[in-house]
């Protein structure tokens, strides 16, 4: 099975100070959650530079991917593209949560790609900033039509305070 995010680096390991540009555009399944995700059939674009340093290899560049979701207000489909700058260290003995694993022959970009993209996906995506959402009473999409429902925004927990005269 081909692993497109597995990059051979044996040549860089033998030459301290050496660098190389790498470009990968491949799909990666399982990014995101039930709210927002990166489509598993769409390519993720990775444009990076690898640089050999005494500690290992520094990876700098950009990771871009399309995302899809439903609007958190009106439940209509919404999508976009996320672009993330990465500046990460790959070393033989990685620090958990801080650096990534570097083998003598290759480095695997997949964990870095996953981490960087998942952290940048929108938490509550909206189709547009002024999205009116759904009516809480009848469920009509307020972006497309209006309803005759009246909204009572009062919180019953504060009802006793309304009777106070100050």
N, C-alpha and C. Protein backbone atom coordinates (compact mmCIF):
# COMPACT_ATOMS: atom_id res chain seq x y z
N UNK A 1 0.85 -1.19 0.00
CA UNK A 1 0.00 0.00 0.00
C UNK A 1 0.89 1.25 0.00
N UNK A 2 0.63 2.12 -0.91
CA UNK A 2 1.39 3.36 -1.02
C UNK A 2 0.99 4.33 0.10
N UNK A 3 1.98 4.96 0.70
CA UNK A 3 1.73 5.94 1.75
C UNK A 3 2.26 7.28 1.27
N UNK A 4 1.39 8.10 0.67
CA UNK A 4 1.86 9.35 0.05
C UNK A 4 2.44 10.36 1.03
N UNK A 5 2.09 10.26 2.31
CA UNK A 5 2.61 11.21 3.29
C UNK A 5 3.88 10.70 3.96
N UNK A 6 4.38 9.55 3.52
CA UNK A 6 5.64 8.99 4.00
C UNK A 6 6.74 9.52 3.08
N UNK A 7 7.63 10.34 3.61
CA UNK A 7 8.64 11.01 2.81
C UNK A 7 10.02 10.42 3.10
N UNK A 8 10.73 9.94 2.07
CA UNK A 8 12.09 9.44 2.28
C UNK A 8 13.05 10.59 2.61
N UNK A 9 13.86 10.41 3.65
CA UNK A 9 14.76 11.48 4.08
C UNK A 9 16.19 10.99 4.33
N UNK A 10 16.53 9.79 3.87
CA UNK A 10 17.88 9.25 4.11
C UNK A 10 18.95 10.18 3.56
N UNK A 11 18.70 10.80 2.40
CA UNK A 11 19.68 11.73 1.82
C UNK A 11 19.89 12.95 2.70
N UNK A 12 18.82 13.48 3.31
CA UNK A 12 18.94 14.64 4.20
C UNK A 12 19.65 14.27 5.50
N UNK A 13 19.43 13.07 5.99
CA UNK A 13 20.04 12.65 7.25
C UNK A 13 21.57 12.58 7.14
N UNK A 14 22.07 12.33 5.95
CA UNK A 14 23.52 12.23 5.74
C UNK A 14 24.18 13.59 5.52
N UNK A 15 23.38 14.64 5.30
CA UNK A 15 23.93 15.96 4.97
C UNK A 15 23.36 17.05 5.86
N UNK A 16 23.95 17.30 7.03
CA UNK A 16 23.47 18.37 7.90
C UNK A 16 23.43 19.71 7.16
N UNK A 17 22.36 20.45 7.36
CA UNK A 17 22.18 21.74 6.70
C UNK A 17 21.47 21.66 5.37
N UNK A 18 21.30 20.45 4.85
CA UNK A 18 20.64 20.28 3.55
C UNK A 18 19.14 20.54 3.68
N UNK A 19 18.53 20.93 2.57
CA UNK A 19 17.08 21.16 2.56
C UNK A 19 16.51 20.69 1.24
N UNK A 20 15.20 20.48 1.26
CA UNK A 20 14.51 20.00 0.06
C UNK A 20 13.05 20.42 0.14
N UNK A 21 12.50 20.81 -1.00
CA UNK A 21 11.07 21.14 -1.08
C UNK A 21 10.28 19.87 -1.38
N UNK A 22 9.11 19.75 -0.76
CA UNK A 22 8.24 18.59 -0.96
C UNK A 22 6.82 19.09 -1.19
N UNK A 23 6.17 18.50 -2.19
CA UNK A 23 4.77 18.81 -2.46
C UNK A 23 4.01 17.49 -2.54
N UNK A 24 2.93 17.41 -1.79
CA UNK A 24 2.06 16.23 -1.81
C UNK A 24 0.63 16.73 -1.95
N UNK A 25 -0.15 16.08 -2.79
CA UNK A 25 -1.58 16.40 -2.95
C UNK A 25 -2.32 15.08 -3.02
N UNK A 26 -2.77 14.61 -1.87
CA UNK A 26 -3.44 13.31 -1.76
C UNK A 26 -4.59 13.40 -0.78
N UNK A 27 -5.62 12.58 -0.97
CA UNK A 27 -6.71 12.54 0.02
C UNK A 27 -6.27 11.83 1.29
N UNK A 28 -6.97 12.14 2.37
CA UNK A 28 -6.70 11.53 3.67
C UNK A 28 -8.03 11.39 4.39
N UNK A 29 -8.43 10.17 4.64
CA UNK A 29 -9.75 9.92 5.23
C UNK A 29 -9.73 10.10 6.75
N UNK A 30 -10.91 10.38 7.29
CA UNK A 30 -11.09 10.41 8.73
C UNK A 30 -10.69 11.70 9.42
N UNK A 31 -10.69 12.82 8.72
CA UNK A 31 -10.35 14.09 9.34
C UNK A 31 -11.61 14.84 9.71
N UNK A 32 -11.75 15.19 10.97
CA UNK A 32 -12.90 15.94 11.44
C UNK A 32 -13.81 15.08 12.29
N UNK A 33 -15.04 15.55 12.44
CA UNK A 33 -16.03 14.83 13.23
C UNK A 33 -17.37 14.90 12.53
N UNK A 34 -18.45 14.59 13.25
CA UNK A 34 -19.77 14.59 12.62
C UNK A 34 -20.27 15.99 12.28
N UNK A 35 -19.64 17.03 12.84
CA UNK A 35 -20.06 18.40 12.58
C UNK A 35 -19.38 18.98 11.35
N UNK A 36 -18.07 18.88 11.31
CA UNK A 36 -17.28 19.43 10.20
C UNK A 36 -16.16 18.45 9.88
N UNK A 37 -15.92 18.26 8.57
CA UNK A 37 -14.90 17.28 8.18
C UNK A 37 -14.24 17.67 6.86
N UNK A 38 -13.11 17.04 6.62
CA UNK A 38 -12.42 17.15 5.34
C UNK A 38 -12.87 15.95 4.52
N UNK A 39 -13.42 16.17 3.32
CA UNK A 39 -13.88 15.04 2.52
C UNK A 39 -12.73 14.07 2.22
N UNK A 40 -12.98 12.79 2.43
CA UNK A 40 -11.95 11.77 2.23
C UNK A 40 -11.56 11.55 0.79
N UNK A 41 -12.35 12.09 -0.15
CA UNK A 41 -12.01 11.92 -1.57
C UNK A 41 -11.37 13.17 -2.19
N UNK A 42 -11.19 14.22 -1.39
CA UNK A 42 -10.59 15.46 -1.87
C UNK A 42 -9.11 15.51 -1.47
N UNK A 43 -8.22 15.99 -2.35
CA UNK A 43 -6.81 16.03 -1.99
C UNK A 43 -6.49 17.11 -0.96
N UNK A 44 -5.56 16.76 -0.09
CA UNK A 44 -5.00 17.72 0.86
C UNK A 44 -3.66 18.14 0.26
N UNK A 45 -3.46 19.44 0.11
CA UNK A 45 -2.24 19.97 -0.50
C UNK A 45 -1.23 20.31 0.58
N UNK A 46 -0.06 19.70 0.49
CA UNK A 46 1.03 19.94 1.43
C UNK A 46 2.21 20.49 0.64
N UNK A 47 2.57 21.74 0.92
CA UNK A 47 3.73 22.40 0.29
C UNK A 47 4.69 22.78 1.40
N UNK A 48 5.77 22.02 1.53
CA UNK A 48 6.67 22.21 2.66
C UNK A 48 8.13 22.19 2.21
N UNK A 49 8.99 22.65 3.12
CA UNK A 49 10.43 22.54 2.95
C UNK A 49 10.96 21.73 4.13
N UNK A 50 11.81 20.76 3.84
CA UNK A 50 12.46 19.95 4.87
C UNK A 50 13.88 20.48 5.03
N UNK A 51 14.29 20.68 6.27
CA UNK A 51 15.65 21.16 6.53
C UNK A 51 16.29 20.32 7.61
N UNK A 52 17.48 19.80 7.31
CA UNK A 52 18.21 18.96 8.26
C UNK A 52 18.92 19.85 9.27
N UNK A 53 18.65 19.63 10.56
CA UNK A 53 19.32 20.34 11.64
C UNK A 53 19.89 19.28 12.58
N UNK A 54 20.74 19.65 13.54
CA UNK A 54 21.33 18.64 14.43
C UNK A 54 20.31 17.79 15.19
N UNK A 55 19.17 18.35 15.58
CA UNK A 55 18.16 17.61 16.34
C UNK A 55 17.34 16.66 15.48
N UNK A 56 17.25 16.92 14.18
CA UNK A 56 16.43 16.10 13.29
C UNK A 56 16.14 16.84 12.01
N UNK A 57 14.85 16.95 11.67
CA UNK A 57 14.42 17.65 10.45
C UNK A 57 13.28 18.61 10.81
N UNK A 58 13.45 19.85 10.37
CA UNK A 58 12.40 20.85 10.56
C UNK A 58 11.54 20.87 9.30
N UNK A 59 10.23 20.86 9.49
CA UNK A 59 9.27 20.92 8.39
C UNK A 59 8.54 22.26 8.49
N UNK A 60 8.66 23.06 7.41
CA UNK A 60 7.99 24.37 7.37
C UNK A 60 7.22 24.48 6.07
N UNK A 61 6.04 25.03 6.15
CA UNK A 61 5.26 25.22 4.93
C UNK A 61 3.79 25.38 5.20
N UNK A 62 2.98 24.96 4.24
CA UNK A 62 1.54 25.17 4.29
C UNK A 62 0.80 23.86 4.00
N UNK A 63 -0.28 23.65 4.75
CA UNK A 63 -1.19 22.53 4.51
C UNK A 63 -2.56 23.14 4.21
N UNK A 64 -3.15 22.75 3.07
CA UNK A 64 -4.46 23.27 2.66
C UNK A 64 -5.40 22.12 2.37
N UNK A 65 -6.66 22.30 2.79
CA UNK A 65 -7.65 21.25 2.54
C UNK A 65 -9.05 21.87 2.49
N UNK A 66 -9.92 21.28 1.67
CA UNK A 66 -11.33 21.71 1.68
C UNK A 66 -12.02 21.11 2.90
N UNK A 67 -13.08 21.76 3.36
CA UNK A 67 -13.88 21.21 4.45
C UNK A 67 -15.34 21.35 4.10
N UNK A 68 -16.16 20.50 4.72
CA UNK A 68 -17.61 20.57 4.52
C UNK A 68 -18.29 20.35 5.87
N UNK A 69 -19.46 20.95 5.98
CA UNK A 69 -20.21 20.87 7.23
C UNK A 69 -21.65 21.28 6.96
N UNK A 70 -22.42 21.37 8.02
CA UNK A 70 -23.74 21.98 7.96
C UNK A 70 -23.69 23.25 8.81
N UNK A 71 -24.40 24.26 8.38
CA UNK A 71 -24.42 25.52 9.11
C UNK A 71 -24.97 25.26 10.51
N UNK A 72 -24.30 25.80 11.50
CA UNK A 72 -24.73 25.56 12.88
C UNK A 72 -26.00 26.34 13.24
N UNK A 73 -26.46 27.23 12.36
CA UNK A 73 -27.68 27.99 12.63
C UNK A 73 -28.87 27.51 11.82
N UNK A 74 -28.65 27.25 10.50
CA UNK A 74 -29.80 26.90 9.64
C UNK A 74 -29.74 25.47 9.09
N UNK A 75 -28.67 24.76 9.35
CA UNK A 75 -28.48 23.37 8.94
C UNK A 75 -28.35 23.16 7.44
N UNK A 76 -28.03 24.22 6.69
CA UNK A 76 -27.77 24.11 5.26
C UNK A 76 -26.32 23.68 5.05
N UNK A 77 -26.02 22.98 3.95
CA UNK A 77 -24.63 22.60 3.69
C UNK A 77 -23.75 23.83 3.51
N UNK A 78 -22.52 23.75 4.02
CA UNK A 78 -21.57 24.85 3.91
C UNK A 78 -20.17 24.23 3.76
N UNK A 79 -19.29 24.96 3.12
CA UNK A 79 -17.94 24.46 2.93
C UNK A 79 -16.96 25.58 2.72
N UNK A 80 -15.71 25.22 2.69
CA UNK A 80 -14.67 26.22 2.49
C UNK A 80 -13.32 25.53 2.39
N UNK A 81 -12.28 26.31 2.55
CA UNK A 81 -10.93 25.76 2.54
C UNK A 81 -10.18 26.29 3.75
N UNK A 82 -9.43 25.41 4.39
CA UNK A 82 -8.61 25.79 5.53
C UNK A 82 -7.16 25.73 5.08
N UNK A 83 -6.39 26.72 5.48
CA UNK A 83 -4.98 26.79 5.15
C UNK A 83 -4.21 27.02 6.45
N UNK A 84 -3.21 26.17 6.70
CA UNK A 84 -2.48 26.20 7.97
C UNK A 84 -0.99 26.29 7.70
N UNK A 85 -0.31 27.19 8.38
CA UNK A 85 1.15 27.24 8.32
C UNK A 85 1.69 26.25 9.35
N UNK A 86 2.62 25.42 8.94
CA UNK A 86 3.24 24.46 9.85
C UNK A 86 4.72 24.77 10.01
N UNK A 87 5.20 24.54 11.20
CA UNK A 87 6.61 24.74 11.54
C UNK A 87 6.90 23.72 12.64
N UNK A 88 7.26 22.50 12.23
CA UNK A 88 7.35 21.39 13.18
C UNK A 88 8.71 20.70 13.11
N UNK A 89 9.09 20.09 14.23
CA UNK A 89 10.33 19.35 14.34
C UNK A 89 10.05 17.86 14.37
N UNK A 90 10.75 17.12 13.53
CA UNK A 90 10.73 15.66 13.53
C UNK A 90 12.08 15.21 14.06
N UNK A 91 12.07 14.37 15.12
CA UNK A 91 13.32 13.92 15.72
C UNK A 91 13.24 12.45 16.11
N UNK A 92 14.40 11.79 16.27
CA UNK A 92 14.39 10.36 16.59
C UNK A 92 13.68 10.02 17.90
N UNK A 93 13.83 10.86 18.91
CA UNK A 93 13.16 10.63 20.20
C UNK A 93 12.20 11.79 20.45
N UNK A 94 10.99 11.73 19.87
CA UNK A 94 10.08 12.87 19.96
C UNK A 94 9.52 13.06 21.37
N UNK A 95 9.22 14.32 21.68
CA UNK A 95 8.54 14.66 22.92
C UNK A 95 7.04 14.57 22.66
N UNK A 96 6.32 13.72 23.39
CA UNK A 96 4.89 13.55 23.12
C UNK A 96 4.13 14.88 23.15
N UNK A 97 3.39 15.13 22.08
CA UNK A 97 2.59 16.35 21.98
C UNK A 97 3.37 17.58 21.53
N UNK A 98 4.70 17.44 21.35
CA UNK A 98 5.50 18.60 20.96
C UNK A 98 6.23 18.40 19.64
N UNK A 99 6.81 17.21 19.44
CA UNK A 99 7.53 16.93 18.20
C UNK A 99 7.03 15.62 17.61
N UNK A 100 7.48 15.32 16.40
CA UNK A 100 7.02 14.13 15.69
C UNK A 100 8.17 13.16 15.47
N UNK A 101 7.83 11.90 15.23
CA UNK A 101 8.79 10.81 15.09
C UNK A 101 9.53 10.89 13.75
N UNK A 102 10.85 10.74 13.82
CA UNK A 102 11.70 10.70 12.64
C UNK A 102 12.42 9.36 12.62
N UNK A 103 12.19 8.59 11.58
CA UNK A 103 12.93 7.34 11.39
C UNK A 103 14.20 7.65 10.63
N UNK A 104 15.13 6.71 10.61
CA UNK A 104 16.41 6.92 9.92
C UNK A 104 16.22 7.10 8.42
N UNK A 105 15.18 6.50 7.87
CA UNK A 105 14.99 6.52 6.42
C UNK A 105 13.85 7.43 5.94
N UNK A 106 12.87 7.70 6.82
CA UNK A 106 11.69 8.46 6.37
C UNK A 106 11.01 9.18 7.53
N UNK A 107 10.14 10.10 7.15
CA UNK A 107 9.27 10.73 8.14
C UNK A 107 7.85 10.66 7.62
N UNK A 108 6.92 10.51 8.54
CA UNK A 108 5.51 10.38 8.19
C UNK A 108 4.82 11.71 8.47
N UNK A 109 4.38 12.39 7.42
CA UNK A 109 3.71 13.68 7.57
C UNK A 109 2.26 13.56 8.04
N UNK A 110 1.67 12.37 7.95
CA UNK A 110 0.25 12.22 8.24
C UNK A 110 -0.15 12.70 9.64
N UNK A 111 0.56 12.34 10.73
CA UNK A 111 0.14 12.86 12.04
C UNK A 111 0.18 14.39 12.11
N UNK A 112 1.21 15.00 11.51
CA UNK A 112 1.30 16.46 11.51
C UNK A 112 0.16 17.08 10.72
N UNK A 113 -0.15 16.50 9.55
CA UNK A 113 -1.24 17.00 8.71
C UNK A 113 -2.56 16.90 9.46
N UNK A 114 -2.81 15.76 10.07
CA UNK A 114 -4.05 15.57 10.84
C UNK A 114 -4.16 16.59 11.98
N UNK A 115 -3.09 16.70 12.77
CA UNK A 115 -3.11 17.62 13.91
C UNK A 115 -3.35 19.05 13.47
N UNK A 116 -2.63 19.50 12.46
CA UNK A 116 -2.73 20.90 12.04
C UNK A 116 -4.10 21.22 11.45
N UNK A 117 -4.66 20.32 10.66
CA UNK A 117 -5.96 20.59 10.04
C UNK A 117 -7.12 20.52 11.04
N UNK A 118 -7.13 19.51 11.87
CA UNK A 118 -8.23 19.35 12.82
C UNK A 118 -8.32 20.55 13.77
N UNK A 119 -7.18 21.09 14.16
CA UNK A 119 -7.19 22.25 15.05
C UNK A 119 -7.69 23.52 14.37
N UNK A 120 -7.64 23.58 13.05
CA UNK A 120 -8.07 24.77 12.32
C UNK A 120 -9.47 24.69 11.73
N UNK A 121 -10.11 23.53 11.78
CA UNK A 121 -11.47 23.42 11.26
C UNK A 121 -12.41 24.28 12.11
N UNK A 122 -13.40 24.93 11.50
CA UNK A 122 -14.31 25.79 12.27
C UNK A 122 -15.11 24.99 13.29
N UNK A 123 -15.26 25.55 14.49
CA UNK A 123 -16.01 24.88 15.55
C UNK A 123 -17.52 24.96 15.32
N UNK A 124 -17.99 26.11 14.88
CA UNK A 124 -19.42 26.32 14.62
C UNK A 124 -19.56 27.00 13.26
N UNK A 125 -19.46 26.23 12.18
CA UNK A 125 -19.50 26.85 10.85
C UNK A 125 -20.86 27.47 10.56
N UNK A 126 -20.84 28.59 9.86
CA UNK A 126 -22.08 29.25 9.44
C UNK A 126 -22.00 29.50 7.94
N UNK A 127 -23.18 29.47 7.30
CA UNK A 127 -23.22 29.68 5.84
C UNK A 127 -22.90 31.12 5.50
N UNK A 128 -23.24 32.04 6.37
CA UNK A 128 -22.88 33.45 6.22
C UNK A 128 -23.01 34.11 7.60
N UNK A 129 -22.33 35.21 7.80
CA UNK A 129 -22.29 35.85 9.11
C UNK A 129 -23.67 36.30 9.60
N UNK A 130 -24.54 36.72 8.69
CA UNK A 130 -25.86 37.20 9.10
C UNK A 130 -26.93 36.12 9.00
N UNK A 131 -26.54 34.87 9.06
CA UNK A 131 -27.51 33.76 8.99
C UNK A 131 -28.52 33.90 10.13
N UNK A 132 -29.80 33.88 9.79
CA UNK A 132 -30.87 34.04 10.79
C UNK A 132 -31.23 32.73 11.47
N UNK A 133 -30.82 31.60 10.91
CA UNK A 133 -31.07 30.32 11.54
C UNK A 133 -32.49 29.82 11.38
N UNK A 134 -32.83 28.84 12.20
CA UNK A 134 -34.16 28.23 12.18
C UNK A 134 -35.03 28.82 13.29
N UNK A 135 -36.33 28.89 13.05
CA UNK A 135 -37.26 29.33 14.09
C UNK A 135 -37.33 28.22 15.14
N UNK A 136 -37.13 28.54 16.41
CA UNK A 136 -37.16 27.50 17.44
C UNK A 136 -38.56 26.91 17.66
N UNK A 137 -39.59 27.61 17.20
CA UNK A 137 -40.96 27.10 17.39
C UNK A 137 -41.41 26.21 16.25
N UNK A 138 -41.33 26.72 15.01
CA UNK A 138 -41.87 25.96 13.88
C UNK A 138 -40.80 25.34 12.99
N UNK A 139 -39.55 25.76 13.13
CA UNK A 139 -38.46 25.16 12.37
C UNK A 139 -38.23 25.73 10.99
N UNK A 140 -38.93 26.79 10.60
CA UNK A 140 -38.74 27.37 9.28
C UNK A 140 -37.36 28.02 9.20
N UNK A 141 -36.74 27.93 8.03
CA UNK A 141 -35.45 28.57 7.81
C UNK A 141 -35.71 30.07 7.64
N UNK A 142 -35.26 30.86 8.58
CA UNK A 142 -35.53 32.30 8.58
C UNK A 142 -34.77 33.04 7.48
N UNK A 143 -33.83 32.38 6.82
CA UNK A 143 -33.14 33.00 5.69
C UNK A 143 -34.01 32.96 4.44
N UNK A 144 -34.92 32.00 4.36
CA UNK A 144 -35.74 31.81 3.17
C UNK A 144 -37.16 32.37 3.32
N UNK A 145 -37.70 32.36 4.52
CA UNK A 145 -39.05 32.88 4.72
C UNK A 145 -39.22 33.31 6.17
N UNK A 146 -40.34 33.97 6.42
CA UNK A 146 -40.63 34.39 7.79
C UNK A 146 -41.80 33.56 8.31
N UNK A 147 -41.97 33.58 9.61
CA UNK A 147 -43.08 32.85 10.22
C UNK A 147 -43.82 33.79 11.16
N UNK A 148 -44.97 33.36 11.63
CA UNK A 148 -45.79 34.18 12.51
C UNK A 148 -45.60 33.82 13.97
N UNK A 149 -44.58 33.06 14.27
CA UNK A 149 -44.33 32.65 15.65
C UNK A 149 -43.87 33.85 16.47
N UNK A 150 -44.31 33.89 17.69
CA UNK A 150 -43.82 34.91 18.61
C UNK A 150 -42.78 34.27 19.51
N UNK A 151 -41.77 35.01 19.77
CA UNK A 151 -40.72 34.45 20.62
C UNK A 151 -40.78 35.08 22.00
N UNK A 152 -40.79 34.22 22.98
CA UNK A 152 -40.75 34.65 24.36
C UNK A 152 -39.34 34.35 24.86
N UNK A 153 -38.51 35.38 24.87
CA UNK A 153 -37.12 35.20 25.24
C UNK A 153 -36.90 35.25 26.75
N UNK A 154 -37.99 35.32 27.50
CA UNK A 154 -37.82 35.40 28.95
C UNK A 154 -37.43 34.04 29.52
N UNK A 155 -36.57 34.08 30.49
CA UNK A 155 -36.08 32.88 31.16
C UNK A 155 -36.91 32.70 32.44
N UNK A 156 -37.62 31.58 32.58
CA UNK A 156 -38.47 31.38 33.75
C UNK A 156 -37.70 31.39 35.07
N UNK A 157 -36.43 31.17 35.04
CA UNK A 157 -35.64 31.19 36.28
C UNK A 157 -35.53 32.60 36.86
N UNK A 158 -35.77 33.62 36.03
CA UNK A 158 -35.69 35.01 36.49
C UNK A 158 -37.07 35.61 36.78
N UNK A 159 -38.13 34.83 36.67
CA UNK A 159 -39.50 35.32 36.82
C UNK A 159 -39.73 36.01 38.16
N UNK A 160 -39.19 35.50 39.23
CA UNK A 160 -39.38 36.11 40.55
C UNK A 160 -38.77 37.50 40.63
N UNK A 161 -37.71 37.75 39.91
CA UNK A 161 -37.07 39.06 39.94
C UNK A 161 -37.86 40.12 39.18
N UNK A 162 -38.70 39.68 38.21
CA UNK A 162 -39.50 40.66 37.46
C UNK A 162 -40.54 41.35 38.36
N UNK A 163 -40.95 40.70 39.41
CA UNK A 163 -41.98 41.27 40.29
C UNK A 163 -41.39 42.29 41.26
N UNK A 164 -40.08 42.38 41.36
CA UNK A 164 -39.46 43.35 42.26
C UNK A 164 -39.59 44.76 41.70
N UNK A 165 -39.89 45.69 42.58
CA UNK A 165 -39.94 47.10 42.17
C UNK A 165 -38.76 47.80 42.80
N UNK A 166 -37.95 48.37 41.97
CA UNK A 166 -36.76 49.05 42.47
C UNK A 166 -36.85 50.53 42.28
